[in-house]
């Protein structure tokens, strides 16, 4: 389940016809309480507003719904790109982890063989009653 909240930054834009139009910019934020989001947005000096609820969207005129959808599409594509990037990072880290585990297993096996050789040499020296010179 997606736990991030989609918020929209409202901005007044001067249109070519000489009027003012309210333009919204979308941004995906981690799930925060409404109070902490207000504190964060006011601290940054940027006003954020929640995306309308389903009930509000159902009551909107069709042109406003189309406008809202066109404003939300960039956020959707950004969220998808971010998810794809995270998935790629996860896959690369999984490969790297697998390779590191294989390398560690090879090194462990080499160490085990070295210990076996040293133990065999020690047994040979003891069985032949040869004492190593003390130096």
N, C-alpha and C. Protein backbone atom coordinates (compact mmCIF):
# COMPACT_ATOMS: atom_id res chain seq x y z
N UNK A 1 0.84 -1.18 0.00
CA UNK A 1 0.00 0.00 0.00
C UNK A 1 0.88 1.24 0.00
N UNK A 2 0.57 2.22 -0.79
CA UNK A 2 1.33 3.45 -0.92
C UNK A 2 1.02 4.35 0.27
N UNK A 3 2.05 4.74 1.02
CA UNK A 3 1.81 5.52 2.22
C UNK A 3 2.20 6.97 2.08
N UNK A 4 2.71 7.35 0.94
CA UNK A 4 3.10 8.75 0.76
C UNK A 4 1.86 9.59 0.48
N UNK A 5 1.96 10.84 0.82
CA UNK A 5 0.87 11.77 0.56
C UNK A 5 1.25 12.65 -0.62
N UNK A 6 0.31 12.84 -1.51
CA UNK A 6 0.52 13.70 -2.65
C UNK A 6 -0.01 15.07 -2.27
N UNK A 7 0.84 16.07 -2.34
CA UNK A 7 0.40 17.42 -2.01
C UNK A 7 0.62 18.32 -3.21
N UNK A 8 -0.11 19.37 -3.25
CA UNK A 8 -0.05 20.29 -4.38
C UNK A 8 0.30 21.67 -3.86
N UNK A 9 1.25 22.32 -4.50
CA UNK A 9 1.61 23.68 -4.14
C UNK A 9 0.84 24.62 -5.05
N UNK A 10 0.11 25.53 -4.45
CA UNK A 10 -0.68 26.47 -5.24
C UNK A 10 0.19 27.70 -5.55
N UNK A 11 0.01 28.21 -6.76
CA UNK A 11 0.79 29.36 -7.19
C UNK A 11 -0.06 30.19 -8.15
N UNK A 12 -0.10 31.47 -7.92
CA UNK A 12 -0.82 32.36 -8.83
C UNK A 12 0.08 32.68 -10.02
N UNK A 13 -0.48 32.49 -11.22
CA UNK A 13 0.28 32.72 -12.45
C UNK A 13 -0.48 33.74 -13.28
N UNK A 14 0.26 34.70 -13.82
CA UNK A 14 -0.35 35.70 -14.70
C UNK A 14 -0.50 35.09 -16.09
N UNK A 15 -1.71 35.10 -16.63
CA UNK A 15 -1.96 34.50 -17.95
C UNK A 15 -1.76 35.53 -19.05
N UNK A 16 -1.70 35.05 -20.29
CA UNK A 16 -1.51 35.94 -21.44
C UNK A 16 -2.69 36.87 -21.63
N UNK A 17 -3.85 36.44 -21.22
CA UNK A 17 -5.04 37.26 -21.39
C UNK A 17 -5.14 38.37 -20.35
N UNK A 18 -4.17 38.45 -19.48
CA UNK A 18 -4.16 39.53 -18.50
C UNK A 18 -4.78 39.15 -17.17
N UNK A 19 -5.31 37.94 -17.04
CA UNK A 19 -5.92 37.52 -15.79
C UNK A 19 -4.95 36.70 -14.96
N UNK A 20 -5.36 36.43 -13.76
CA UNK A 20 -4.58 35.56 -12.88
C UNK A 20 -5.22 34.19 -12.85
N UNK A 21 -4.39 33.18 -12.81
CA UNK A 21 -4.89 31.82 -12.77
C UNK A 21 -4.16 31.10 -11.64
N UNK A 22 -4.88 30.24 -10.94
CA UNK A 22 -4.27 29.46 -9.88
C UNK A 22 -3.67 28.20 -10.50
N UNK A 23 -2.36 28.06 -10.40
CA UNK A 23 -1.67 26.90 -10.96
C UNK A 23 -1.14 26.09 -9.80
N UNK A 24 -1.26 24.80 -9.89
CA UNK A 24 -0.80 23.90 -8.84
C UNK A 24 0.41 23.11 -9.33
N UNK A 25 1.38 22.97 -8.45
CA UNK A 25 2.52 22.11 -8.72
C UNK A 25 2.43 20.95 -7.75
N UNK A 26 2.66 19.75 -8.24
CA UNK A 26 2.51 18.57 -7.40
C UNK A 26 3.85 18.15 -6.84
N UNK A 27 3.80 17.49 -5.69
CA UNK A 27 5.00 16.98 -5.06
C UNK A 27 4.60 15.79 -4.20
N UNK A 28 5.38 14.73 -4.24
CA UNK A 28 5.11 13.56 -3.41
C UNK A 28 5.94 13.68 -2.14
N UNK A 29 5.27 13.62 -1.00
CA UNK A 29 5.95 13.70 0.28
C UNK A 29 5.69 12.43 1.07
N UNK A 30 6.60 12.08 1.99
CA UNK A 30 6.32 10.94 2.86
C UNK A 30 5.08 11.21 3.71
N UNK A 31 4.46 10.16 4.17
CA UNK A 31 3.25 10.32 4.97
C UNK A 31 3.58 11.07 6.25
N UNK A 32 2.94 12.18 6.45
CA UNK A 32 3.13 13.00 7.64
C UNK A 32 1.77 13.36 8.19
N UNK A 33 1.75 13.70 9.45
CA UNK A 33 0.49 14.20 9.99
C UNK A 33 0.24 15.57 9.39
N UNK A 34 -1.01 16.00 9.38
CA UNK A 34 -1.32 17.29 8.77
C UNK A 34 -0.63 18.43 9.50
N UNK A 35 -0.48 18.31 10.82
CA UNK A 35 0.17 19.38 11.58
C UNK A 35 1.66 19.47 11.24
N UNK A 36 2.35 18.32 11.16
CA UNK A 36 3.78 18.36 10.84
C UNK A 36 3.99 18.83 9.41
N UNK A 37 3.05 18.51 8.48
CA UNK A 37 3.17 18.98 7.11
C UNK A 37 3.00 20.49 7.06
N UNK A 38 2.05 21.03 7.85
CA UNK A 38 1.86 22.48 7.89
C UNK A 38 3.11 23.16 8.44
N UNK A 39 3.71 22.57 9.49
CA UNK A 39 4.91 23.15 10.06
C UNK A 39 6.04 23.12 9.04
N UNK A 40 6.18 22.00 8.32
CA UNK A 40 7.24 21.88 7.33
C UNK A 40 7.04 22.87 6.19
N UNK A 41 5.80 22.97 5.69
CA UNK A 41 5.57 23.87 4.56
C UNK A 41 5.72 25.32 4.98
N UNK A 42 5.29 25.66 6.19
CA UNK A 42 5.44 27.05 6.61
C UNK A 42 6.90 27.37 6.89
N UNK A 43 7.66 26.39 7.36
CA UNK A 43 9.08 26.61 7.61
C UNK A 43 9.82 26.84 6.30
N UNK A 44 9.38 26.19 5.23
CA UNK A 44 10.03 26.37 3.94
C UNK A 44 9.48 27.57 3.19
N UNK A 45 8.42 28.15 3.69
CA UNK A 45 7.84 29.31 3.04
C UNK A 45 7.03 28.97 1.81
N UNK A 46 6.61 27.72 1.67
CA UNK A 46 5.83 27.31 0.50
C UNK A 46 4.49 26.77 0.97
N UNK A 47 3.41 27.30 0.46
CA UNK A 47 2.10 26.79 0.86
C UNK A 47 1.76 25.50 0.11
N UNK A 48 1.40 24.46 0.84
CA UNK A 48 0.98 23.20 0.25
C UNK A 48 -0.49 22.97 0.58
N UNK A 49 -1.17 22.30 -0.30
CA UNK A 49 -2.55 21.93 -0.02
C UNK A 49 -2.73 20.46 -0.37
N UNK A 50 -3.68 19.82 0.27
CA UNK A 50 -3.95 18.42 0.01
C UNK A 50 -4.63 18.25 -1.34
N UNK A 51 -4.42 17.11 -1.94
CA UNK A 51 -5.16 16.76 -3.16
C UNK A 51 -6.61 16.53 -2.74
N UNK A 52 -7.56 16.94 -3.56
CA UNK A 52 -8.97 16.78 -3.18
C UNK A 52 -9.35 15.33 -2.92
N UNK A 53 -10.33 15.13 -2.05
CA UNK A 53 -10.82 13.78 -1.76
C UNK A 53 -11.64 13.27 -2.94
N UNK A 54 -11.95 11.99 -2.91
CA UNK A 54 -12.75 11.41 -3.99
C UNK A 54 -14.14 12.07 -4.06
N UNK A 55 -14.70 12.37 -2.90
CA UNK A 55 -16.02 13.01 -2.89
C UNK A 55 -15.94 14.39 -3.54
N UNK A 56 -14.87 15.13 -3.24
CA UNK A 56 -14.72 16.46 -3.84
C UNK A 56 -14.51 16.35 -5.34
N UNK A 57 -13.76 15.35 -5.78
CA UNK A 57 -13.51 15.17 -7.21
C UNK A 57 -14.81 14.79 -7.92
N UNK A 58 -15.63 13.96 -7.28
CA UNK A 58 -16.90 13.56 -7.89
C UNK A 58 -17.83 14.75 -8.09
N UNK A 59 -17.72 15.75 -7.21
CA UNK A 59 -18.58 16.92 -7.30
C UNK A 59 -18.02 18.00 -8.23
N UNK A 60 -16.75 17.86 -8.65
CA UNK A 60 -16.11 18.86 -9.50
C UNK A 60 -16.69 18.82 -10.91
N UNK A 61 -16.69 19.97 -11.57
CA UNK A 61 -17.05 19.97 -13.00
C UNK A 61 -15.97 19.24 -13.80
N UNK A 62 -16.35 18.75 -14.96
CA UNK A 62 -15.45 17.93 -15.77
C UNK A 62 -14.17 18.68 -16.16
N UNK A 63 -14.26 19.96 -16.48
CA UNK A 63 -13.06 20.70 -16.88
C UNK A 63 -12.07 20.83 -15.72
N UNK A 64 -12.57 20.98 -14.50
CA UNK A 64 -11.68 21.05 -13.34
C UNK A 64 -11.01 19.70 -13.09
N UNK A 65 -11.76 18.63 -13.30
CA UNK A 65 -11.19 17.29 -13.13
C UNK A 65 -10.09 17.06 -14.16
N UNK A 66 -10.33 17.47 -15.40
CA UNK A 66 -9.30 17.34 -16.44
C UNK A 66 -8.06 18.15 -16.08
N UNK A 67 -8.27 19.36 -15.59
CA UNK A 67 -7.15 20.20 -15.17
C UNK A 67 -6.38 19.54 -14.04
N UNK A 68 -7.09 19.01 -13.07
CA UNK A 68 -6.45 18.33 -11.94
C UNK A 68 -5.64 17.13 -12.41
N UNK A 69 -6.21 16.36 -13.32
CA UNK A 69 -5.51 15.18 -13.85
C UNK A 69 -4.24 15.59 -14.58
N UNK A 70 -4.32 16.62 -15.41
CA UNK A 70 -3.13 17.05 -16.14
C UNK A 70 -2.06 17.60 -15.20
N UNK A 71 -2.49 18.17 -14.07
CA UNK A 71 -1.51 18.67 -13.10
C UNK A 71 -0.90 17.53 -12.29
N UNK A 72 -1.64 16.44 -12.11
CA UNK A 72 -1.15 15.33 -11.32
C UNK A 72 -0.31 14.34 -12.13
N UNK A 73 -0.46 14.34 -13.45
CA UNK A 73 0.29 13.39 -14.28
C UNK A 73 1.80 13.51 -14.13
N UNK A 74 2.37 14.72 -14.07
CA UNK A 74 3.82 14.79 -13.86
C UNK A 74 4.26 14.16 -12.53
N UNK A 75 3.47 14.35 -11.48
CA UNK A 75 3.81 13.74 -10.20
C UNK A 75 3.74 12.22 -10.29
N UNK A 76 2.77 11.72 -11.03
CA UNK A 76 2.65 10.27 -11.21
C UNK A 76 3.87 9.73 -11.95
N UNK A 77 4.26 10.40 -13.02
CA UNK A 77 5.43 9.91 -13.77
C UNK A 77 6.70 10.02 -12.92
N UNK A 78 6.81 11.07 -12.12
CA UNK A 78 7.96 11.22 -11.22
C UNK A 78 7.98 10.10 -10.18
N UNK A 79 6.81 9.78 -9.63
CA UNK A 79 6.72 8.70 -8.64
C UNK A 79 7.08 7.36 -9.27
N UNK A 80 6.62 7.13 -10.50
CA UNK A 80 6.95 5.88 -11.19
C UNK A 80 8.45 5.80 -11.48
N UNK A 81 9.03 6.91 -11.90
CA UNK A 81 10.46 6.93 -12.18
C UNK A 81 11.25 6.68 -10.89
N UNK A 82 10.81 7.28 -9.81
CA UNK A 82 11.47 7.08 -8.52
C UNK A 82 11.36 5.62 -8.09
N UNK A 83 10.19 5.02 -8.29
CA UNK A 83 10.01 3.61 -7.93
C UNK A 83 10.90 2.72 -8.79
N UNK A 84 11.00 3.02 -10.08
CA UNK A 84 11.86 2.24 -10.96
C UNK A 84 13.32 2.38 -10.56
N UNK A 85 13.72 3.59 -10.19
CA UNK A 85 15.09 3.83 -9.74
C UNK A 85 15.39 3.04 -8.47
N UNK A 86 14.45 3.05 -7.54
CA UNK A 86 14.63 2.30 -6.29
C UNK A 86 14.71 0.81 -6.56
N UNK A 87 13.89 0.32 -7.49
CA UNK A 87 13.91 -1.10 -7.83
C UNK A 87 15.25 -1.47 -8.46
N UNK A 88 15.76 -0.61 -9.34
CA UNK A 88 17.06 -0.86 -9.96
C UNK A 88 18.16 -0.88 -8.90
N UNK A 89 18.13 0.09 -7.98
CA UNK A 89 19.12 0.11 -6.90
C UNK A 89 19.04 -1.17 -6.08
N UNK A 90 17.82 -1.61 -5.78
CA UNK A 90 17.65 -2.84 -5.01
C UNK A 90 18.24 -4.03 -5.76
N UNK A 91 17.96 -4.13 -7.06
CA UNK A 91 18.49 -5.24 -7.85
C UNK A 91 20.01 -5.21 -7.90
N UNK A 92 20.60 -4.03 -8.08
CA UNK A 92 22.06 -3.93 -8.12
C UNK A 92 22.67 -4.30 -6.77
N UNK A 93 22.04 -3.85 -5.69
CA UNK A 93 22.55 -4.19 -4.36
C UNK A 93 22.39 -5.68 -4.08
N UNK A 94 21.34 -6.29 -4.58
CA UNK A 94 21.16 -7.74 -4.41
C UNK A 94 22.27 -8.50 -5.13
N UNK A 95 22.59 -8.06 -6.35
CA UNK A 95 23.67 -8.70 -7.10
C UNK A 95 25.00 -8.53 -6.38
N UNK A 96 25.25 -7.31 -5.90
CA UNK A 96 26.50 -7.03 -5.19
C UNK A 96 26.60 -7.87 -3.91
N UNK A 97 25.49 -8.01 -3.20
CA UNK A 97 25.47 -8.81 -1.97
C UNK A 97 25.74 -10.27 -2.29
N UNK A 98 25.14 -10.76 -3.35
CA UNK A 98 25.34 -12.15 -3.76
C UNK A 98 26.80 -12.40 -4.12
N UNK A 99 27.40 -11.48 -4.85
CA UNK A 99 28.81 -11.63 -5.22
C UNK A 99 29.71 -11.57 -3.99
N UNK A 100 29.39 -10.69 -3.05
CA UNK A 100 30.19 -10.59 -1.82
C UNK A 100 30.07 -11.87 -1.00
N UNK A 101 28.88 -12.45 -0.96
CA UNK A 101 28.68 -13.70 -0.23
C UNK A 101 29.48 -14.83 -0.89
N UNK A 102 29.47 -14.88 -2.22
CA UNK A 102 30.24 -15.91 -2.94
C UNK A 102 31.73 -15.75 -2.68
N UNK A 103 32.21 -14.52 -2.71
CA UNK A 103 33.62 -14.25 -2.46
C UNK A 103 34.00 -14.66 -1.04
N UNK A 104 33.14 -14.34 -0.08
CA UNK A 104 33.41 -14.72 1.31
C UNK A 104 33.45 -16.24 1.46
N UNK A 105 32.57 -16.95 0.75
CA UNK A 105 32.55 -18.41 0.81
C UNK A 105 33.84 -19.00 0.23
N UNK A 106 34.32 -18.43 -0.88
CA UNK A 106 35.58 -18.90 -1.49
C UNK A 106 36.74 -18.65 -0.53
N UNK A 107 36.78 -17.47 0.08
CA UNK A 107 37.86 -17.17 1.02
C UNK A 107 37.80 -18.09 2.24
N UNK A 108 36.60 -18.39 2.71
CA UNK A 108 36.45 -19.30 3.85
C UNK A 108 36.97 -20.69 3.49
N UNK A 109 36.66 -21.16 2.29
CA UNK A 109 37.12 -22.47 1.85
C UNK A 109 38.64 -22.50 1.71
N UNK A 110 39.23 -21.42 1.19
CA UNK A 110 40.69 -21.35 1.07
C UNK A 110 41.34 -21.38 2.46
N UNK A 111 40.77 -20.65 3.40
CA UNK A 111 41.29 -20.64 4.77
C UNK A 111 41.18 -22.02 5.39
N UNK A 112 40.06 -22.70 5.16
CA UNK A 112 39.86 -24.05 5.70
C UNK A 112 40.93 -25.00 5.16
N UNK A 113 41.22 -24.90 3.85
CA UNK A 113 42.25 -25.76 3.25
C UNK A 113 43.63 -25.45 3.81
N UNK A 114 43.95 -24.16 4.02
CA UNK A 114 45.24 -23.78 4.60
C UNK A 114 45.39 -24.36 6.00
N UNK A 115 44.32 -24.30 6.77
CA UNK A 115 44.36 -24.87 8.13
C UNK A 115 44.57 -26.37 8.06
N UNK A 116 43.92 -27.05 7.12
CA UNK A 116 44.12 -28.50 6.96
C UNK A 116 45.57 -28.83 6.62
N UNK A 117 46.18 -28.03 5.73
CA UNK A 117 47.59 -28.26 5.36
C UNK A 117 48.49 -28.06 6.56
N UNK A 118 48.24 -26.99 7.31
CA UNK A 118 49.06 -26.73 8.50
C UNK A 118 48.89 -27.84 9.54
N UNK A 119 47.68 -28.33 9.71
CA UNK A 119 47.45 -29.43 10.65
C UNK A 119 48.16 -30.70 10.18
N UNK A 120 48.13 -30.95 8.87
CA UNK A 120 48.80 -32.13 8.34
C UNK A 120 50.31 -32.04 8.55
N UNK A 121 50.87 -30.87 8.33
CA UNK A 121 52.31 -30.68 8.53
C UNK A 121 52.65 -30.88 10.00
N UNK A 122 51.82 -30.34 10.88
CA UNK A 122 52.06 -30.50 12.31
C UNK A 122 52.01 -31.97 12.70
N UNK A 123 51.04 -32.72 12.17
CA UNK A 123 50.96 -34.15 12.46
C UNK A 123 52.19 -34.90 11.93
N UNK A 124 52.65 -34.54 10.73
CA UNK A 124 53.85 -35.18 10.17
C UNK A 124 55.06 -34.92 11.05
N UNK A 125 55.21 -33.68 11.49
CA UNK A 125 56.35 -33.34 12.34
C UNK A 125 56.31 -34.10 13.66
N UNK A 126 55.14 -34.22 14.24
CA UNK A 126 55.02 -34.93 15.51
C UNK A 126 55.20 -36.43 15.33
N UNK A 127 54.68 -36.95 14.23
CA UNK A 127 54.79 -38.39 14.02
C UNK A 127 56.21 -38.81 13.70
N UNK A 128 57.01 -37.94 13.10
CA UNK A 128 58.39 -38.26 12.76
C UNK A 128 59.32 -37.91 13.91
N UNK A 129 58.79 -37.40 14.99
CA UNK A 129 59.56 -37.00 16.16
C UNK A 129 60.65 -36.00 15.82
N UNK A 130 60.33 -35.13 14.88
CA UNK A 130 61.30 -34.10 14.52
C UNK A 130 60.92 -32.84 15.29
N UNK A 131 61.89 -32.32 15.94
CA UNK A 131 61.62 -31.11 16.69
C UNK A 131 62.04 -29.92 15.84
N UNK A 132 61.23 -28.91 15.88
CA UNK A 132 61.57 -27.70 15.14
C UNK A 132 62.62 -26.93 15.88
N UNK A 133 63.58 -26.34 15.18
CA UNK A 133 64.65 -25.58 15.87
C UNK A 133 64.06 -24.34 16.54
N UNK A 134 64.54 -24.10 17.74
CA UNK A 134 64.08 -22.91 18.45
C UNK A 134 65.08 -21.81 18.18
N UNK A 135 64.55 -20.69 17.79
CA UNK A 135 65.46 -19.66 17.37
C UNK A 135 65.19 -18.41 17.98
